[in-house]
Protein backbone atom coordinates (compact mmCIF):
# COMPACT_ATOMS: atom_id res chain seq x y z
CA MET A 1 -105.99 -143.44 124.08
CA ARG A 2 -106.02 -144.51 120.43
CA ILE A 3 -105.51 -142.66 117.54
CA THR A 4 -108.74 -142.30 115.48
CA GLN A 5 -107.72 -139.86 111.91
CA ILE A 6 -104.69 -138.76 110.22
CA GLU A 7 -105.77 -135.63 108.16
CA THR A 8 -103.03 -133.31 106.03
CA PHE A 9 -103.20 -129.95 104.99
CA THR A 10 -101.22 -128.29 101.87
CA VAL A 11 -100.47 -125.16 101.98
CA SER A 12 -98.38 -122.90 99.39
CA ALA A 13 -96.26 -120.38 100.73
CA GLY A 14 -94.80 -118.67 97.22
CA TRP A 15 -91.91 -120.07 96.81
CA LYS A 16 -92.34 -123.06 98.72
CA ASN A 17 -95.36 -125.68 99.85
CA TRP A 18 -95.62 -126.79 103.17
CA LEU A 19 -97.05 -129.79 104.50
CA PHE A 20 -99.06 -130.39 107.72
CA VAL A 21 -100.86 -133.22 109.33
CA LYS A 22 -103.35 -133.51 112.15
CA VAL A 23 -103.44 -136.80 114.47
CA HIS A 24 -106.73 -137.50 116.10
CA THR A 25 -107.47 -139.45 119.30
CA ASP A 26 -110.38 -141.24 120.71
CA ALA A 27 -109.44 -138.91 123.76
CA GLY A 28 -110.40 -135.44 121.93
CA ILE A 29 -106.90 -134.81 121.97
CA HIS A 30 -104.88 -133.73 118.83
CA GLY A 31 -101.50 -133.36 117.70
CA ILE A 32 -99.89 -131.19 115.00
CA GLY A 33 -97.06 -132.46 112.85
CA GLU A 34 -94.97 -131.53 109.56
CA GLY A 35 -94.19 -132.95 106.36
CA THR A 36 -92.44 -130.33 104.49
CA LEU A 37 -89.82 -131.88 101.36
CA ASN A 38 -89.39 -128.99 98.98
CA GLY A 39 -91.06 -130.17 95.76
CA PHE A 40 -92.49 -133.51 97.25
CA ILE A 41 -95.61 -132.50 99.37
CA LYS A 42 -98.27 -134.27 97.30
CA THR A 43 -96.33 -137.21 96.94
CA THR A 44 -95.42 -137.18 101.05
CA GLU A 45 -98.98 -136.18 101.67
CA ALA A 46 -99.79 -139.99 99.51
CA ALA A 47 -97.05 -141.27 101.48
CA VAL A 48 -98.60 -140.22 104.89
CA HIS A 49 -102.08 -141.18 104.12
CA GLU A 50 -100.45 -144.95 102.90
CA LEU A 51 -98.56 -144.90 106.25
CA ALA A 52 -101.64 -144.17 108.14
CA HIS A 53 -103.42 -147.70 108.47
CA LEU A 54 -100.14 -148.37 110.60
CA ALA A 55 -100.76 -145.57 113.39
CA ILE A 56 -104.64 -145.78 113.47
CA GLY A 57 -105.89 -147.83 116.31
CA GLN A 58 -102.58 -147.68 117.89
CA GLU A 59 -101.66 -145.88 121.26
CA PRO A 60 -100.30 -142.48 120.41
CA GLU A 61 -98.42 -142.13 123.79
CA HIS A 62 -95.94 -145.22 122.58
CA ILE A 63 -94.11 -143.28 120.46
CA THR A 64 -91.09 -144.95 119.67
CA ARG A 65 -92.89 -148.26 118.99
CA LEU A 66 -94.94 -146.49 116.40
CA ALA A 67 -92.61 -144.95 114.66
CA LYS A 68 -90.63 -148.23 114.43
CA ARG A 69 -93.76 -149.41 113.31
CA LEU A 70 -94.12 -146.94 110.57
CA LEU A 71 -90.60 -147.66 109.23
CA ASP A 72 -90.29 -151.34 109.47
CA SER A 73 -93.77 -152.51 108.57
CA VAL A 74 -92.41 -151.46 104.69
CA SER A 75 -90.20 -153.63 103.50
CA LEU A 76 -88.48 -151.56 101.39
CA ASP A 77 -86.58 -148.09 102.44
CA GLY A 78 -88.27 -145.01 101.18
CA GLY A 79 -85.76 -143.05 102.16
CA HIS A 80 -86.67 -139.61 102.46
CA ILE A 81 -90.43 -139.21 101.91
CA HIS A 82 -90.92 -142.27 104.29
CA ARG A 83 -88.86 -140.84 106.97
CA THR A 84 -90.45 -137.21 106.36
CA ALA A 85 -94.07 -138.78 106.30
CA ILE A 86 -92.68 -140.69 109.68
CA ALA A 87 -91.63 -137.67 110.96
CA ALA A 88 -95.06 -136.09 110.82
CA ILE A 89 -97.13 -138.24 112.56
CA GLU A 90 -94.41 -139.19 115.37
CA VAL A 91 -93.93 -135.37 115.61
CA ALA A 92 -97.95 -135.11 116.69
CA CYS A 93 -97.82 -137.91 118.81
CA TRP A 94 -95.16 -136.28 120.90
CA ASP A 95 -97.22 -132.86 120.83
CA ILE A 96 -100.40 -134.95 121.73
CA LEU A 97 -98.46 -136.65 124.77
CA GLY A 98 -97.70 -133.23 125.73
CA LYS A 99 -100.62 -132.16 126.22
CA ALA A 100 -102.32 -134.94 128.05
CA LEU A 101 -99.60 -134.80 130.30
CA GLY A 102 -99.57 -130.81 130.89
CA VAL A 103 -96.18 -129.96 129.80
CA PRO A 104 -93.88 -129.02 126.80
CA ILE A 105 -92.30 -131.32 125.01
CA TRP A 106 -88.79 -130.14 125.72
CA GLN A 107 -89.82 -130.81 129.27
CA LEU A 108 -90.01 -134.97 128.17
CA PHE A 109 -86.86 -134.57 127.04
CA GLY A 110 -85.32 -133.74 130.42
CA GLY A 111 -86.18 -130.06 130.86
CA ARG A 112 -84.51 -126.95 129.35
CA VAL A 113 -80.92 -126.52 129.42
CA ARG A 114 -81.14 -122.78 127.69
CA ASP A 115 -84.10 -120.03 127.83
CA THR A 116 -83.71 -118.75 124.61
CA VAL A 117 -81.44 -119.49 121.39
CA LEU A 118 -79.31 -118.12 119.13
CA GLY A 119 -81.13 -117.64 116.04
CA TYR A 120 -79.74 -117.00 112.19
CA ALA A 121 -82.00 -115.27 109.58
CA ASN A 122 -82.35 -117.22 106.00
CA GLY A 123 -84.48 -116.38 102.79
CA TRP A 124 -83.81 -112.55 103.91
CA TYR A 125 -81.82 -111.86 100.03
CA ARG A 126 -84.92 -112.03 97.81
CA THR A 127 -82.83 -109.32 95.35
CA GLU A 128 -80.85 -108.55 92.76
CA ARG A 129 -77.45 -110.52 93.12
CA THR A 130 -75.08 -107.23 93.58
CA PRO A 131 -73.12 -106.40 96.10
CA GLU A 132 -75.50 -102.98 96.97
CA HIS A 133 -78.70 -105.14 96.91
CA PHE A 134 -77.68 -107.61 99.24
CA VAL A 135 -76.34 -105.29 101.57
CA THR A 136 -79.48 -103.18 101.27
CA ALA A 137 -81.16 -106.25 102.30
CA ALA A 138 -78.94 -107.62 105.06
CA GLY A 139 -79.52 -104.28 107.03
CA ALA A 140 -83.39 -105.21 106.74
CA VAL A 141 -82.22 -108.25 108.63
CA VAL A 142 -80.06 -106.45 111.11
CA ALA A 143 -83.22 -103.87 111.44
CA LYS A 144 -85.13 -106.75 112.69
CA GLY A 145 -82.27 -107.69 116.11
CA PHE A 146 -80.47 -110.81 114.01
CA HIS A 147 -77.08 -110.94 115.05
CA ALA A 148 -76.51 -113.84 112.11
CA LEU A 149 -77.17 -114.02 108.91
CA LYS A 150 -76.81 -116.89 106.04
CA LEU A 151 -76.47 -116.88 102.28
CA ASP A 152 -75.26 -118.31 98.97
CA PRO A 153 -73.87 -115.44 96.83
CA PHE A 154 -72.54 -118.28 93.70
CA GLY A 155 -75.45 -117.59 91.76
CA THR A 156 -76.21 -121.22 89.82
CA ALA A 157 -72.46 -122.34 89.90
CA GLN A 158 -72.41 -125.95 89.71
CA GLY A 159 -69.22 -128.14 89.94
CA PHE A 160 -67.11 -125.83 89.29
CA ILE A 161 -66.95 -121.83 89.36
CA ASP A 162 -65.14 -119.32 86.85
CA ASP A 163 -62.95 -116.51 89.00
CA GLY A 164 -65.84 -113.93 87.87
CA GLU A 165 -68.62 -115.34 89.88
CA LEU A 166 -66.56 -116.37 92.51
CA GLN A 167 -64.84 -112.94 92.75
CA LEU A 168 -69.02 -110.92 92.39
CA ALA A 169 -69.87 -114.03 95.36
CA HIS A 170 -66.34 -112.16 97.10
CA ASP A 171 -67.82 -108.45 96.77
CA ILE A 172 -71.22 -109.63 97.87
CA LEU A 173 -69.43 -110.95 101.09
CA ALA A 174 -66.92 -108.09 101.33
CA ALA A 175 -69.89 -105.81 101.30
CA ILE A 176 -71.64 -107.00 103.94
CA ARG A 177 -68.95 -107.64 106.08
CA ALA A 178 -67.47 -104.33 105.86
CA LYS A 179 -70.83 -102.55 106.61
CA TYR A 180 -71.41 -105.23 109.69
CA PRO A 181 -68.12 -106.24 111.04
CA ALA A 182 -69.61 -108.29 114.24
CA LEU A 183 -72.42 -110.08 112.15
CA ARG A 184 -72.24 -113.63 111.95
CA ILE A 185 -71.90 -114.62 107.94
CA LEU A 186 -72.86 -118.14 107.42
CA ILE A 187 -72.37 -119.78 103.68
CA ASP A 188 -74.54 -122.39 102.27
CA VAL A 189 -73.13 -124.01 99.37
CA HIS A 190 -75.86 -126.12 98.42
CA GLY A 191 -74.04 -129.14 97.80
CA ARG A 192 -72.68 -127.04 94.54
CA PHE A 193 -69.37 -127.83 94.46
CA THR A 194 -66.25 -130.55 93.62
CA GLU A 195 -63.71 -131.18 96.42
CA ALA A 196 -61.17 -128.65 94.75
CA ASP A 197 -63.43 -125.97 94.25
CA ALA A 198 -65.13 -126.04 97.51
CA LEU A 199 -61.67 -125.31 98.90
CA ARG A 200 -60.74 -122.91 96.02
CA ALA A 201 -63.72 -120.73 97.31
CA ALA A 202 -63.60 -121.21 100.75
CA ARG A 203 -59.66 -120.04 101.03
CA LYS A 204 -60.41 -116.90 98.86
CA LEU A 205 -63.14 -116.12 101.18
CA ALA A 206 -62.01 -116.93 104.47
CA PRO A 207 -60.44 -113.62 105.44
CA LEU A 208 -63.34 -112.14 105.38
CA ASN A 209 -64.49 -114.17 108.72
CA LEU A 210 -66.91 -116.31 107.52
CA TYR A 211 -68.73 -118.11 110.49
CA TRP A 212 -69.36 -121.68 108.78
CA TRP A 213 -69.33 -123.15 105.44
CA GLU A 214 -72.38 -125.68 104.83
CA GLU A 215 -72.66 -128.30 102.19
CA PRO A 216 -69.68 -127.52 100.36
CA THR A 217 -69.47 -130.58 98.16
CA THR A 218 -71.80 -133.62 96.65
CA ARG A 219 -74.74 -135.31 98.26
CA GLU A 220 -73.57 -138.26 97.18
CA ARG A 221 -71.88 -139.60 99.85
CA GLU A 222 -70.24 -138.08 103.07
CA GLN A 223 -66.35 -138.62 102.33
CA PRO A 224 -66.04 -135.79 100.48
CA VAL A 225 -66.59 -133.65 102.76
CA ASN A 226 -64.62 -134.75 105.25
CA ALA A 227 -61.95 -134.38 102.86
CA VAL A 228 -62.54 -130.72 102.52
CA ALA A 229 -63.30 -130.36 106.15
CA LEU A 230 -59.78 -131.76 107.10
CA GLN A 231 -58.24 -128.64 105.01
CA CYS A 232 -60.48 -125.98 105.24
CA PRO A 233 -60.24 -122.61 106.69
CA ILE A 234 -63.77 -122.06 107.37
CA ARG A 235 -65.95 -124.43 110.15
CA VAL A 236 -67.57 -126.81 107.66
CA ALA A 237 -71.69 -127.64 108.60
CA THR A 238 -73.53 -130.57 106.45
CA GLY A 239 -76.11 -133.04 106.98
CA GLU A 240 -79.44 -131.65 106.12
CA MET A 241 -79.68 -133.98 103.28
CA TYR A 242 -79.30 -137.41 105.33
CA ASP A 243 -82.01 -139.08 105.95
CA THR A 244 -80.42 -142.06 108.08
CA VAL A 245 -78.59 -141.91 111.96
CA GLY A 246 -75.87 -144.21 110.51
CA GLN A 247 -75.16 -140.75 107.90
CA PHE A 248 -74.07 -138.93 110.78
CA TYR A 249 -72.20 -141.56 112.14
CA THR A 250 -70.03 -142.05 108.72
CA LEU A 251 -69.88 -138.39 108.58
CA ALA A 252 -67.97 -138.24 112.62
CA VAL A 253 -65.60 -141.15 111.56
CA GLY A 254 -64.22 -139.14 108.69
CA GLY A 255 -63.46 -136.49 110.80
CA GLY A 256 -63.12 -132.84 110.24
CA VAL A 257 -66.88 -131.78 110.48
CA ASN A 258 -67.95 -130.43 114.19
CA ILE A 259 -70.95 -129.00 113.23
CA PHE A 260 -74.06 -131.27 112.27
CA GLN A 261 -77.25 -130.10 110.64
CA PRO A 262 -79.89 -132.79 110.86
CA GLU A 263 -83.22 -131.94 109.23
CA PRO A 264 -85.87 -133.41 111.60
CA MET A 265 -88.45 -133.78 108.94
CA SER A 266 -85.74 -135.86 106.49
CA LEU A 267 -84.97 -137.98 109.82
CA GLY A 268 -87.76 -139.19 111.10
CA GLY A 269 -88.60 -136.34 113.47
CA PHE A 270 -87.96 -136.08 116.85
CA GLY A 271 -86.52 -139.52 117.96
CA PRO A 272 -83.81 -140.11 115.30
CA THR A 273 -82.75 -136.08 115.50
CA LEU A 274 -81.71 -136.78 119.54
CA ALA A 275 -80.12 -139.66 118.66
CA VAL A 276 -77.95 -137.50 115.88
CA ALA A 277 -77.29 -135.16 118.94
CA GLY A 278 -75.88 -137.60 121.26
CA LEU A 279 -73.73 -138.68 118.43
CA ALA A 280 -72.40 -135.20 117.80
CA GLN A 281 -72.19 -134.59 122.04
CA ALA A 282 -69.98 -137.47 121.92
CA HIS A 283 -67.81 -136.66 119.03
CA GLY A 284 -67.16 -133.35 120.28
CA SER A 285 -69.24 -131.76 118.25
CA TYR A 286 -72.67 -129.60 118.12
CA LEU A 287 -76.16 -129.59 116.77
CA ALA A 288 -77.40 -126.87 114.02
CA PRO A 289 -80.91 -128.39 112.56
CA HIS A 290 -81.52 -127.40 109.16
CA GLN A 291 -84.92 -125.82 108.76
CA SER A 292 -86.54 -124.22 105.94
CA GLY A 293 -90.07 -125.85 106.12
CA GLY A 294 -92.98 -123.76 107.55
CA PRO A 295 -94.01 -122.90 111.02
CA VAL A 296 -94.57 -125.94 112.92
CA ALA A 297 -91.03 -127.66 111.93
CA THR A 298 -89.81 -124.23 113.53
CA ALA A 299 -91.52 -125.55 116.83
CA VAL A 300 -90.03 -129.21 116.39
CA CYS A 301 -85.96 -127.55 116.18
CA LEU A 302 -87.05 -124.91 118.95
CA GLN A 303 -88.28 -127.86 121.11
CA LEU A 304 -84.40 -129.29 120.54
CA ALA A 305 -82.94 -125.99 121.20
CA ALA A 306 -84.74 -125.67 124.93
CA SER A 307 -83.15 -129.55 125.24
CA VAL A 308 -79.63 -130.26 123.78
CA PRO A 309 -76.88 -129.47 125.45
CA ASN A 310 -74.73 -129.45 122.41
CA PHE A 311 -77.09 -127.18 120.34
CA LEU A 312 -74.91 -124.60 118.54
CA ILE A 313 -77.54 -122.13 116.43
CA GLN A 314 -81.07 -122.40 114.83
CA GLU A 315 -82.03 -121.29 111.54
CA HIS A 316 -85.12 -118.91 111.09
CA PHE A 317 -86.87 -118.05 107.90
CA ASP A 318 -90.22 -117.05 108.94
CA PRO A 319 -89.67 -113.58 109.44
CA PHE A 320 -88.94 -113.31 105.89
CA ASN A 321 -92.10 -115.68 104.21
CA ASP A 322 -95.09 -113.59 103.63
CA PRO A 323 -96.84 -112.39 106.80
CA TRP A 324 -99.84 -114.12 106.35
CA THR A 325 -97.83 -116.97 107.14
CA ARG A 326 -97.64 -116.06 111.11
CA ASP A 327 -101.57 -116.44 111.07
CA LEU A 328 -101.17 -120.11 110.56
CA VAL A 329 -100.18 -121.03 113.88
CA THR A 330 -101.18 -119.99 117.56
CA TRP A 331 -97.36 -119.24 118.73
CA ALA A 332 -94.25 -117.88 116.81
CA PRO A 333 -91.40 -117.02 118.69
CA THR A 334 -89.92 -113.70 119.26
CA LEU A 335 -86.72 -112.36 119.10
CA ASP A 336 -84.37 -110.49 120.90
CA PRO A 337 -82.61 -107.73 119.29
CA ALA A 338 -80.12 -106.80 122.26
CA ASN A 339 -78.34 -110.77 121.56
CA GLY A 340 -80.12 -112.23 118.57
CA HIS A 341 -81.93 -115.04 120.58
CA LEU A 342 -85.31 -116.42 119.74
CA SER A 343 -87.12 -117.49 122.23
CA LEU A 344 -88.75 -121.05 123.34
CA PRO A 345 -92.13 -122.60 123.55
CA THR A 346 -93.46 -123.06 127.07
CA ALA A 347 -97.13 -124.64 126.01
CA PRO A 348 -98.08 -128.48 126.12
CA GLY A 349 -96.75 -130.21 123.60
CA LEU A 350 -95.32 -128.45 120.66
CA GLY A 351 -96.22 -125.04 121.76
CA LEU A 352 -99.05 -124.01 119.43
CA ASP A 353 -102.00 -125.38 116.90
CA LEU A 354 -103.02 -124.34 113.19
CA ASN A 355 -105.05 -121.75 112.18
CA LEU A 356 -107.26 -123.89 109.34
CA GLU A 357 -108.97 -120.90 108.39
CA VAL A 358 -105.42 -119.73 107.09
CA VAL A 359 -104.26 -123.02 105.70
CA ARG A 360 -107.39 -123.53 103.42
CA ALA A 361 -107.44 -119.57 102.21
CA HIS A 362 -103.46 -120.67 100.87
CA PRO A 363 -104.19 -123.93 98.42
CA TYR A 364 -100.93 -125.93 97.41
CA ASP A 365 -99.59 -124.84 94.02
CA PRO A 366 -97.77 -127.22 91.98
CA LYS A 367 -95.34 -124.52 90.78
CA ALA A 368 -94.16 -123.66 93.82
CA TYR A 369 -90.90 -125.20 94.35
CA LEU A 370 -87.28 -123.95 95.12
CA ASN A 371 -84.74 -124.74 92.19
CA VAL A 372 -81.18 -123.22 93.43
CA PHE A 373 -79.75 -124.16 89.77
CA GLU A 374 -82.00 -121.51 87.99
CA GLU A 375 -81.50 -118.33 87.39
CA GLY A 376 -82.78 -115.56 89.97
CA TRP A 377 -83.69 -118.09 92.21
CA GLU A 378 -82.32 -115.85 95.15
CA LYS A 379 -85.96 -113.98 94.76
CA ARG A 380 -87.93 -117.01 96.34
CA LEU A 381 -90.28 -116.08 93.72
CA GLY A 382 -91.71 -119.77 93.11
CA GLN A 383 -91.50 -121.20 89.47
CA THR A 384 -95.17 -119.35 88.82
CA GLU A 385 -93.98 -115.70 89.98
CA ALA A 386 -90.79 -116.32 88.13
CA LYS A 387 -92.02 -117.25 84.52
CA SER A 388 -94.65 -114.82 84.61
CA GLY A 389 -92.17 -111.82 85.44
CA VAL A 390 -94.83 -110.55 88.15
CA ALA A 391 -95.18 -111.36 91.54
CA ARG A 392 -97.66 -111.52 93.05
CA PRO A 393 -99.07 -108.69 95.80
CA ARG A 394 -97.87 -109.27 99.41
CA ALA A 395 -100.64 -110.39 101.56
CA LYS A 396 -100.65 -108.30 104.94
CA ARG A 397 -100.87 -109.83 108.16
CA ARG A 398 -104.64 -109.69 110.02
CA LYS A 399 -104.70 -107.68 112.56
């Protein structure tokens, strides 16, 4: 079996664009991947096509060899964009291999260690930044069956946060905690703060019984997050911005962080993410992959959730995207309201396929990206809606 063609598809989901990849073979089997990188969709799409000549004619079953070829054949490291392009192709090849053998990808990783996985909601707080609005929005999350949710309550703060803004963040979280005493509340700091203010904010908020403190410091180096984690009263999680396994090694050596958050697309796909999972296990730590892309990337993370022993919890945006996005793919996980767990894919390969009719109905929007330092970013309107002040009508899901 040989790779004959690589197609790419860009989709606007309103607040962000998604990039999907379809790898064809001469055996009539195709594989699906995703290469979403906020703000760099067309750039990553171009990278996929620039690498395509290194994949066409190759055997998709030999995935590690092909991924190494895609990385090593370009002498200068292309960083996130390079590895995201590789990930899109690498995941599609795993999809092909699973389909060819008639098994889910998790079976190729040694089988399942669990039947479901705890999920946490993100993308749910598209509202005004007040305690009242956030509590109302959290109520809708709980009503869907989630037992955990994540939010960034810090507005546009960067570097330092003044007392008034920190108090507002506290009041938002306190209101949610008062309404939902048993809810797991995860905080995303989005790499906002200096070490001093990351600790200052964490110490103020810690009495609210927060589940984790994500990406509290600069993304420039791994060491500042270690310095914070070793003193922080809230458990620290990080890693979504790393694009090499070696960065997680540095993180492990620094100590203090026991929740590793690889983004499978940024790292280059399943292979490097499994390497991080093994490193985390040796470190006595846990895996909680970042996932703010589209529904194909969701399936990637759930394949890992099925097979990685030290898997902790999975981020889940999908139920809070526009309803039509559910029709982009042929499978999506269900949520069990009894325990807040997501179901895992069971069909061969990745477990889903693209609906190209829906893909083509929602073309790329150059202004669809997220900027967390822009006032009102919490509403996730995308730049087009944010600047017009008029939200587009929410498309209804097809029956």
